[in-house]
Amino acid sequence: MTTDPVLALHNLTFGWTPDTTLIDIERFELEPGESVFLRGPSGSGKSTLLGLIGGVLTPRAGAVKIKGRDIVKQTSAVRDQIRADHLGIIFQQFNLLPYLSVLGNVTLPCRFSKQRRARSKENYVSPVDEAKALIDHLGLPAEIVDAPLGELSVGQQQRVAVARALIGGPDLIIADEPTSALDADNRDRFIELLNRERARFGTSLLFVSHDGELAKHFDRKADLMTLNRGAEKVSA
């Protein structure tokens, strides 16, 4: 019995206007538990590609399959649910909600996904218990759970964003330039921490960055400029 890739892109094309093409990928797949470093310079379409994978953007043609299910063929509501159930996303600016506590931010995905909430309860009794365990694993003090975000350092906010992405054991974590504000030492430590934590869940990782020096931390590396079949360079 074969296992579907966690992520599969087939003959995927996208352009912001009919006469331009920003994304043109014949085939890209990411296997269960695999970590992949995807490099792309500014303007290569990294953010656009992540929008396509998350179902926020609709391609001109082609397939975006999450666990064998083509999200392009689904309604917007179903795409939203697939994203909530299967994807954990670490944004470049973290996108934490300032009106929620640390605990509220970390448990947020379980409010939108019954599947992740059920996984959390299987392993940790409740999402709150899992959130506290993740906070501990990520080296944050226990008392931080009730703290407002304004009291956290950038590094602490970054780890809260990781905990939010990991909770409920999503199948794939997408990290969009999450180390751009860190120096080299903290950057490497952060990636090692992220890899350690997602490996505990068997979660796949697609880490997107312009910095090719980071590739050493991942199972495999890919280059968006190489994947793109002659796509024009347009600002992402």
C-alpha atoms as a PDB file:
ATOM      1  CA  MET A   1       0.000   0.000   0.000  1.00  0.00           C
ATOM      2  CA  THR A   2       1.477   3.322  -1.094  1.00  0.00           C
ATOM      3  CA  THR A   3       1.191   6.512   0.919  1.00  0.00           C
ATOM      4  CA  ASP A   4       0.203   9.753  -0.763  1.00  0.00           C
ATOM      5  CA  PRO A   5       2.698  12.606  -0.529  1.00  0.00           C
ATOM      6  CA  VAL A   6       1.755  15.184   2.058  1.00  0.00           C
ATOM      7  CA  LEU A   7       2.023  17.806  -0.680  1.00  0.00           C
ATOM      8  CA  ALA A   8       1.981  17.322  -4.443  1.00  0.00           C
ATOM      9  CA  LEU A   9       2.064  20.058  -7.087  1.00  0.00           C
ATOM     10  CA  HIS A  10       1.393  18.940 -10.666  1.00  0.00           C
ATOM     11  CA  ASN A  11       1.509  21.188 -13.756  1.00  0.00           C
ATOM     12  CA  LEU A  12       0.809  24.203 -11.579  1.00  0.00           C
ATOM     13  CA  THR A  13       0.654  27.620 -13.234  1.00  0.00           C
ATOM     14  CA  PHE A  14      -0.314  31.042 -11.951  1.00  0.00           C
ATOM     15  CA  GLY A  15      -0.024  34.628 -13.091  1.00  0.00           C
ATOM     16  CA  TRP A  16      -1.458  37.872 -11.798  1.00  0.00           C
ATOM     17  CA  THR A  17      -2.439  38.894 -15.328  1.00  0.00           C
ATOM     18  CA  PRO A  18      -3.357  36.771 -18.383  1.00  0.00           C
ATOM     19  CA  ASP A  19      -0.131  37.632 -20.205  1.00  0.00           C
ATOM     20  CA  THR A  20       2.313  36.967 -17.338  1.00  0.00           C
ATOM     21  CA  THR A  21       3.360  33.766 -15.578  1.00  0.00           C
ATOM     22  CA  LEU A  22       4.870  33.804 -12.117  1.00  0.00           C
ATOM     23  CA  ILE A  23       4.489  30.134 -11.149  1.00  0.00           C
ATOM     24  CA  ASP A  24       4.999  27.281 -13.616  1.00  0.00           C
ATOM     25  CA  ILE A  25       5.878  24.040 -11.795  1.00  0.00           C
ATOM     26  CA  GLU A  26       5.633  20.685 -13.527  1.00  0.00           C
ATOM     27  CA  ARG A  27       6.049  18.516 -10.427  1.00  0.00           C
ATOM     28  CA  PHE A  28       6.982  18.946  -6.781  1.00  0.00           C
ATOM     29  CA  GLU A  29       6.234  16.503  -3.961  1.00  0.00           C
ATOM     30  CA  LEU A  30       6.932  16.391  -0.252  1.00  0.00           C
ATOM     31  CA  GLU A  31       6.742  13.067   1.584  1.00  0.00           C
ATOM     32  CA  PRO A  32       5.373  12.337   5.089  1.00  0.00           C
ATOM     33  CA  GLY A  33       7.896  13.341   7.762  1.00  0.00           C
ATOM     34  CA  GLU A  34      10.254  14.961   5.240  1.00  0.00           C
ATOM     35  CA  SER A  35      11.803  18.398   5.677  1.00  0.00           C
ATOM     36  CA  VAL A  36      12.470  20.423   2.539  1.00  0.00           C
ATOM     37  CA  PHE A  37      14.271  23.736   2.194  1.00  0.00           C
ATOM     38  CA  LEU A  38      12.847  25.799  -0.685  1.00  0.00           C
ATOM     39  CA  ARG A  39      15.083  28.657  -1.739  1.00  0.00           C
ATOM     40  CA  GLY A  40      13.973  31.575  -3.836  1.00  0.00           C
ATOM     41  CA  PRO A  41      15.284  35.131  -4.253  1.00  0.00           C
ATOM     42  CA  SER A  42      13.063  38.170  -3.881  1.00  0.00           C
ATOM     43  CA  GLY A  43      10.550  38.329  -6.710  1.00  0.00           C
ATOM     44  CA  SER A  44      10.692  34.601  -7.508  1.00  0.00           C
ATOM     45  CA  GLY A  45       7.133  33.974  -6.300  1.00  0.00           C
ATOM     46  CA  LYS A  46       7.698  32.373  -2.885  1.00  0.00           C
ATOM     47  CA  SER A  47       4.766  34.097  -1.205  1.00  0.00           C
ATOM     48  CA  THR A  48       2.537  33.441  -4.199  1.00  0.00           C
ATOM     49  CA  LEU A  49       3.403  29.747  -4.141  1.00  0.00           C
ATOM     50  CA  LEU A  50       2.556  29.512  -0.437  1.00  0.00           C
ATOM     51  CA  GLY A  51      -0.767  31.189  -1.165  1.00  0.00           C
ATOM     52  CA  LEU A  52      -1.491  28.500  -3.760  1.00  0.00           C
ATOM     53  CA  ILE A  53      -0.518  25.687  -1.391  1.00  0.00           C
ATOM     54  CA  GLY A  54      -2.731  27.127   1.332  1.00  0.00           C
ATOM     55  CA  GLY A  55      -5.682  27.499  -1.012  1.00  0.00           C
ATOM     56  CA  VAL A  56      -5.779  31.270  -0.594  1.00  0.00           C
ATOM     57  CA  LEU A  57      -4.992  31.735  -4.302  1.00  0.00           C
ATOM     58  CA  THR A  58      -6.459  29.778  -7.226  1.00  0.00           C
ATOM     59  CA  PRO A  59      -4.047  28.609  -9.943  1.00  0.00           C
ATOM     60  CA  ARG A  60      -4.547  29.196 -13.633  1.00  0.00           C
ATOM     61  CA  ALA A  61      -4.156  25.435 -14.121  1.00  0.00           C
ATOM     62  CA  GLY A  62      -2.833  22.337 -12.390  1.00  0.00           C
ATOM     63  CA  ALA A  63      -3.270  20.488  -9.102  1.00  0.00           C
ATOM     64  CA  VAL A  64      -2.381  21.230  -5.482  1.00  0.00           C
ATOM     65  CA  LYS A  65      -2.873  18.027  -3.526  1.00  0.00           C
ATOM     66  CA  ILE A  66      -2.813  17.863   0.261  1.00  0.00           C
ATOM     67  CA  LYS A  67      -2.738  14.231   1.426  1.00  0.00           C
ATOM     68  CA  GLY A  68      -3.948  13.175  -2.019  1.00  0.00           C
ATOM     69  CA  ARG A  69      -6.853  15.632  -2.128  1.00  0.00           C
ATOM     70  CA  ASP A  70      -6.772  18.305  -4.810  1.00  0.00           C
ATOM     71  CA  ILE A  71      -7.744  21.545  -3.100  1.00  0.00           C
ATOM     72  CA  VAL A  72      -8.131  23.316  -6.455  1.00  0.00           C
ATOM     73  CA  LYS A  73     -11.304  21.299  -7.087  1.00  0.00           C
ATOM     74  CA  GLN A  74     -12.863  22.162  -3.729  1.00  0.00           C
ATOM     75  CA  THR A  75     -15.121  25.011  -2.667  1.00  0.00           C
ATOM     76  CA  SER A  76     -13.552  27.848  -0.695  1.00  0.00           C
ATOM     77  CA  ALA A  77     -15.135  26.533   2.520  1.00  0.00           C
ATOM     78  CA  VAL A  78     -13.658  23.062   1.979  1.00  0.00           C
ATOM     79  CA  ARG A  79     -10.252  24.555   1.158  1.00  0.00           C
ATOM     80  CA  ASP A  80     -10.384  26.499   4.410  1.00  0.00           C
ATOM     81  CA  GLN A  81     -11.130  23.299   6.325  1.00  0.00           C
ATOM     82  CA  ILE A  82      -8.355  21.342   4.633  1.00  0.00           C
ATOM     83  CA  ARG A  83      -5.923  24.131   5.525  1.00  0.00           C
ATOM     84  CA  ALA A  84      -7.113  24.160   9.146  1.00  0.00           C
ATOM     85  CA  ASP A  85      -6.921  20.354   9.475  1.00  0.00           C
ATOM     86  CA  HIS A  86      -3.633  19.639   7.736  1.00  0.00           C
ATOM     87  CA  LEU A  87      -1.436  22.755   7.668  1.00  0.00           C
ATOM     88  CA  GLY A  88       0.449  24.618  10.384  1.00  0.00           C
ATOM     89  CA  ILE A  89       1.823  27.934   9.138  1.00  0.00           C
ATOM     90  CA  ILE A  90       4.640  30.028  10.601  1.00  0.00           C
ATOM     91  CA  PHE A  91       4.458  33.483   9.062  1.00  0.00           C
ATOM     92  CA  GLN A  92       7.401  35.821   8.606  1.00  0.00           C
ATOM     93  CA  GLN A  93       5.743  38.398  10.892  1.00  0.00           C
ATOM     94  CA  PHE A  94       4.288  35.620  13.115  1.00  0.00           C
ATOM     95  CA  ASN A  95       0.676  36.962  12.746  1.00  0.00           C
ATOM     96  CA  LEU A  96      -0.144  36.373  16.401  1.00  0.00           C
ATOM     97  CA  LEU A  97      -3.407  37.911  17.611  1.00  0.00           C
ATOM     98  CA  PRO A  98      -2.695  40.740  20.088  1.00  0.00           C
ATOM     99  CA  TYR A  99      -6.099  40.501  21.801  1.00  0.00           C
ATOM    100  CA  LEU A 100      -5.447  36.869  22.818  1.00  0.00           C
ATOM    101  CA  SER A 101      -3.083  35.587  25.492  1.00  0.00           C
ATOM    102  CA  VAL A 102      -0.195  33.280  24.622  1.00  0.00           C
ATOM    103  CA  LEU A 103      -2.386  30.303  25.505  1.00  0.00           C
ATOM    104  CA  GLY A 104      -5.225  31.635  23.369  1.00  0.00           C
ATOM    105  CA  ASN A 105      -2.908  32.041  20.372  1.00  0.00           C
ATOM    106  CA  VAL A 106      -1.397  28.565  20.691  1.00  0.00           C
ATOM    107  CA  THR A 107      -4.747  26.765  21.020  1.00  0.00           C
ATOM    108  CA  LEU A 108      -6.398  28.763  18.224  1.00  0.00           C
ATOM    109  CA  PRO A 109      -6.028  26.095  15.479  1.00  0.00           C
ATOM    110  CA  CYS A 110      -7.963  23.604  17.599  1.00  0.00           C
ATOM    111  CA  ARG A 111     -10.915  25.985  17.626  1.00  0.00           C
ATOM    112  CA  PHE A 112     -11.117  25.794  13.833  1.00  0.00           C
ATOM    113  CA  SER A 113     -10.235  22.114  13.316  1.00  0.00           C
ATOM    114  CA  LYS A 114     -12.101  19.228  14.935  1.00  0.00           C
ATOM    115  CA  GLN A 115      -9.413  16.909  13.593  1.00  0.00           C
ATOM    116  CA  ARG A 116      -6.564  18.726  15.320  1.00  0.00           C
ATOM    117  CA  ARG A 117      -8.627  19.116  18.464  1.00  0.00           C
ATOM    118  CA  ALA A 118      -9.254  15.347  18.504  1.00  0.00           C
ATOM    119  CA  ARG A 119      -5.540  14.597  18.008  1.00  0.00           C
ATOM    120  CA  SER A 120      -4.695  16.934  20.836  1.00  0.00           C
ATOM    121  CA  LYS A 121      -7.146  15.221  23.177  1.00  0.00           C
ATOM    122  CA  GLU A 122      -5.784  11.788  22.246  1.00  0.00           C
ATOM    123  CA  ASN A 123      -2.269  12.697  23.305  1.00  0.00           C
ATOM    124  CA  TYR A 124      -2.656  15.427  25.913  1.00  0.00           C
ATOM    125  CA  VAL A 125      -6.212  15.254  27.342  1.00  0.00           C
ATOM    126  CA  SER A 126      -6.992  18.750  26.033  1.00  0.00           C
ATOM    127  CA  PRO A 127      -5.579  21.427  23.699  1.00  0.00           C
ATOM    128  CA  VAL A 128      -4.737  23.532  26.756  1.00  0.00           C
ATOM    129  CA  ASP A 129      -2.612  20.698  28.158  1.00  0.00           C
ATOM    130  CA  GLU A 130      -0.855  20.259  24.828  1.00  0.00           C
ATOM    131  CA  ALA A 131      -0.258  24.010  24.537  1.00  0.00           C
ATOM    132  CA  LYS A 132       1.416  24.047  27.946  1.00  0.00           C
ATOM    133  CA  ALA A 133       3.543  21.027  26.982  1.00  0.00           C
ATOM    134  CA  LEU A 134       4.626  22.694  23.731  1.00  0.00           C
ATOM    135  CA  ILE A 135       5.497  25.902  25.555  1.00  0.00           C
ATOM    136  CA  ASP A 136       7.679  23.866  27.897  1.00  0.00           C
ATOM    137  CA  HIS A 137       9.338  21.906  25.046  1.00  0.00           C
ATOM    138  CA  LEU A 138      10.109  25.170  23.268  1.00  0.00           C
ATOM    139  CA  GLY A 139      11.965  26.489  26.302  1.00  0.00           C
ATOM    140  CA  LEU A 140       9.444  29.142  27.353  1.00  0.00           C
ATOM    141  CA  PRO A 141       8.625  29.720  31.038  1.00  0.00           C
ATOM    142  CA  ALA A 142       5.331  28.217  32.266  1.00  0.00           C
ATOM    143  CA  GLU A 143       4.019  31.566  33.492  1.00  0.00           C
ATOM    144  CA  ILE A 144       4.072  32.922  29.950  1.00  0.00           C
ATOM    145  CA  VAL A 145       0.792  31.175  29.068  1.00  0.00           C
ATOM    146  CA  ASP A 146      -1.334  34.028  30.427  1.00  0.00           C
ATOM    147  CA  ALA A 147       0.956  36.845  29.341  1.00  0.00           C
ATOM    148  CA  PRO A 148      -0.167  39.456  26.793  1.00  0.00           C
ATOM    149  CA  LEU A 149       1.857  39.395  23.599  1.00  0.00           C
ATOM    150  CA  GLY A 150       3.181  42.905  24.208  1.00  0.00           C
ATOM    151  CA  GLU A 151       5.308  41.596  27.066  1.00  0.00           C
ATOM    152  CA  LEU A 152       7.110  39.020  24.909  1.00  0.00           C
ATOM    153  CA  SER A 153      10.423  39.432  23.125  1.00  0.00           C
ATOM    154  CA  VAL A 154      10.648  38.774  19.383  1.00  0.00           C
ATOM    155  CA  GLY A 155      12.274  35.398  20.071  1.00  0.00           C
ATOM    156  CA  GLN A 156       9.501  34.423  22.472  1.00  0.00           C
ATOM    157  CA  GLN A 157       6.815  35.454  19.983  1.00  0.00           C
ATOM    158  CA  GLN A 158       8.549  33.332  17.383  1.00  0.00           C
ATOM    159  CA  ARG A 159       8.356  30.263  19.628  1.00  0.00           C
ATOM    160  CA  VAL A 160       4.693  30.932  20.354  1.00  0.00           C
ATOM    161  CA  ALA A 161       4.117  30.948  16.584  1.00  0.00           C
ATOM    162  CA  VAL A 162       5.870  27.562  16.342  1.00  0.00           C
ATOM    163  CA  ALA A 163       3.716  26.135  19.141  1.00  0.00           C
ATOM    164  CA  ARG A 164       0.589  27.351  17.351  1.00  0.00           C
ATOM    165  CA  ALA A 165       1.716  25.682  14.135  1.00  0.00           C
ATOM    166  CA  LEU A 166       2.505  22.381  15.884  1.00  0.00           C
ATOM    167  CA  ILE A 167      -0.573  21.959  18.066  1.00  0.00           C
ATOM    168  CA  GLY A 168      -2.847  19.110  17.076  1.00  0.00           C
ATOM    169  CA  GLY A 169      -0.141  17.453  14.952  1.00  0.00           C
ATOM    170  CA  PRO A 170      -0.787  18.895  11.457  1.00  0.00           C
ATOM    171  CA  ASP A 171       0.569  16.898   8.533  1.00  0.00           C
ATOM    172  CA  LEU A 172       2.593  19.776   7.093  1.00  0.00           C
ATOM    173  CA  ILE A 173       4.193  22.894   8.520  1.00  0.00           C
ATOM    174  CA  ILE A 174       4.930  25.743   6.139  1.00  0.00           C
ATOM    175  CA  ALA A 175       7.485  28.260   7.388  1.00  0.00           C
ATOM    176  CA  ASP A 176       7.711  31.519   5.441  1.00  0.00           C
ATOM    177  CA  GLU A 177      11.065  33.266   6.095  1.00  0.00           C
ATOM    178  CA  PRO A 178      10.652  32.851   9.892  1.00  0.00           C
ATOM    179  CA  THR A 179      14.328  33.539  10.690  1.00  0.00           C
ATOM    180  CA  SER A 180      14.768  36.800   8.776  1.00  0.00           C
ATOM    181  CA  ALA A 181      14.945  38.884  11.982  1.00  0.00           C
ATOM    182  CA  LEU A 182      17.477  36.633  13.749  1.00  0.00           C
ATOM    183  CA  ASP A 183      21.259  36.645  13.836  1.00  0.00           C
ATOM    184  CA  ALA A 184      23.137  33.566  12.621  1.00  0.00           C
ATOM    185  CA  ASP A 185      23.453  31.806  15.983  1.00  0.00           C
ATOM    186  CA  ASN A 186      19.822  32.301  16.990  1.00  0.00           C
ATOM    187  CA  ARG A 187      18.697  31.406  13.475  1.00  0.00           C
ATOM    188  CA  ASP A 188      20.453  28.024  13.575  1.00  0.00           C
ATOM    189  CA  ARG A 189      19.189  27.270  17.082  1.00  0.00           C
ATOM    190  CA  PHE A 190      15.647  28.121  16.042  1.00  0.00           C
ATOM    191  CA  ILE A 191      15.725  25.766  13.044  1.00  0.00           C
ATOM    192  CA  GLU A 192      17.171  22.951  15.140  1.00  0.00           C
ATOM    193  CA  LEU A 193      14.395  23.480  17.680  1.00  0.00           C
ATOM    194  CA  LEU A 194      11.731  23.523  14.974  1.00  0.00           C
ATOM    195  CA  ASN A 195      13.076  20.333  13.417  1.00  0.00           C
ATOM    196  CA  ARG A 196      13.248  18.585  16.781  1.00  0.00           C
ATOM    197  CA  GLU A 197       9.672  19.444  17.678  1.00  0.00           C
ATOM    198  CA  ARG A 198       8.076  18.648  14.331  1.00  0.00           C
ATOM    199  CA  ALA A 199       9.951  15.306  14.221  1.00  0.00           C
ATOM    200  CA  ARG A 200       8.201  14.317  17.454  1.00  0.00           C
ATOM    201  CA  PHE A 201       4.902  14.551  15.596  1.00  0.00           C
ATOM    202  CA  GLY A 202       6.128  13.049  12.314  1.00  0.00           C
ATOM    203  CA  THR A 203       5.144  16.343  10.680  1.00  0.00           C
ATOM    204  CA  SER A 204       6.559  17.357   7.306  1.00  0.00           C
ATOM    205  CA  LEU A 205       8.185  20.754   6.907  1.00  0.00           C
ATOM    206  CA  LEU A 206       8.438  23.114   3.944  1.00  0.00           C
ATOM    207  CA  PHE A 207      10.810  25.907   4.943  1.00  0.00           C
ATOM    208  CA  VAL A 208      10.941  28.810   2.503  1.00  0.00           C
ATOM    209  CA  SER A 209      13.800  31.311   2.504  1.00  0.00           C
ATOM    210  CA  HIS A 210      16.119  33.312   0.285  1.00  0.00           C
ATOM    211  CA  ASP A 211      19.125  32.306   2.447  1.00  0.00           C
ATOM    212  CA  GLY A 212      20.776  29.248   0.902  1.00  0.00           C
ATOM    213  CA  GLU A 213      23.055  28.760   3.946  1.00  0.00           C
ATOM    214  CA  LEU A 214      20.088  27.301   5.837  1.00  0.00           C
ATOM    215  CA  ALA A 215      19.761  24.281   3.531  1.00  0.00           C
ATOM    216  CA  LYS A 216      22.118  22.186   5.687  1.00  0.00           C
ATOM    217  CA  HIS A 217      19.386  21.787   8.322  1.00  0.00           C
ATOM    218  CA  PHE A 218      16.955  19.933   6.037  1.00  0.00           C
ATOM    219  CA  ASP A 219      16.537  16.518   4.413  1.00  0.00           C
ATOM    220  CA  ARG A 220      16.365  17.971   0.926  1.00  0.00           C
ATOM    221  CA  LYS A 221      16.683  21.299  -0.818  1.00  0.00           C
ATOM    222  CA  ALA A 222      14.917  22.718  -3.850  1.00  0.00           C
ATOM    223  CA  ASP A 223      15.239  25.957  -5.763  1.00  0.00           C
ATOM    224  CA  LEU A 224      12.118  27.770  -6.898  1.00  0.00           C
ATOM    225  CA  MET A 225      13.911  29.287  -9.871  1.00  0.00           C
ATOM    226  CA  THR A 226      14.814  25.781 -11.037  1.00  0.00           C
ATOM    227  CA  LEU A 227      11.337  24.381 -10.389  1.00  0.00           C
ATOM    228  CA  ASN A 228       9.759  27.200 -12.358  1.00  0.00           C
ATOM    229  CA  ARG A 229       9.801  26.316 -16.065  1.00  0.00           C
ATOM    230  CA  GLY A 230      10.784  29.603 -17.639  1.00  0.00           C
ATOM    231  CA  ALA A 231       8.411  31.689 -15.542  1.00  0.00           C
ATOM    232  CA  GLU A 232       8.962  35.418 -15.816  1.00  0.00           C
ATOM    233  CA  LYS A 233      10.463  37.232 -12.822  1.00  0.00           C
ATOM    234  CA  VAL A 234       7.655  39.271 -11.373  1.00  0.00           C
ATOM    235  CA  SER A 235       7.435  40.782  -7.888  1.00  0.00           C
ATOM    236  CA  ALA A 236       5.750  38.408  -5.415  1.00  0.00           C
END
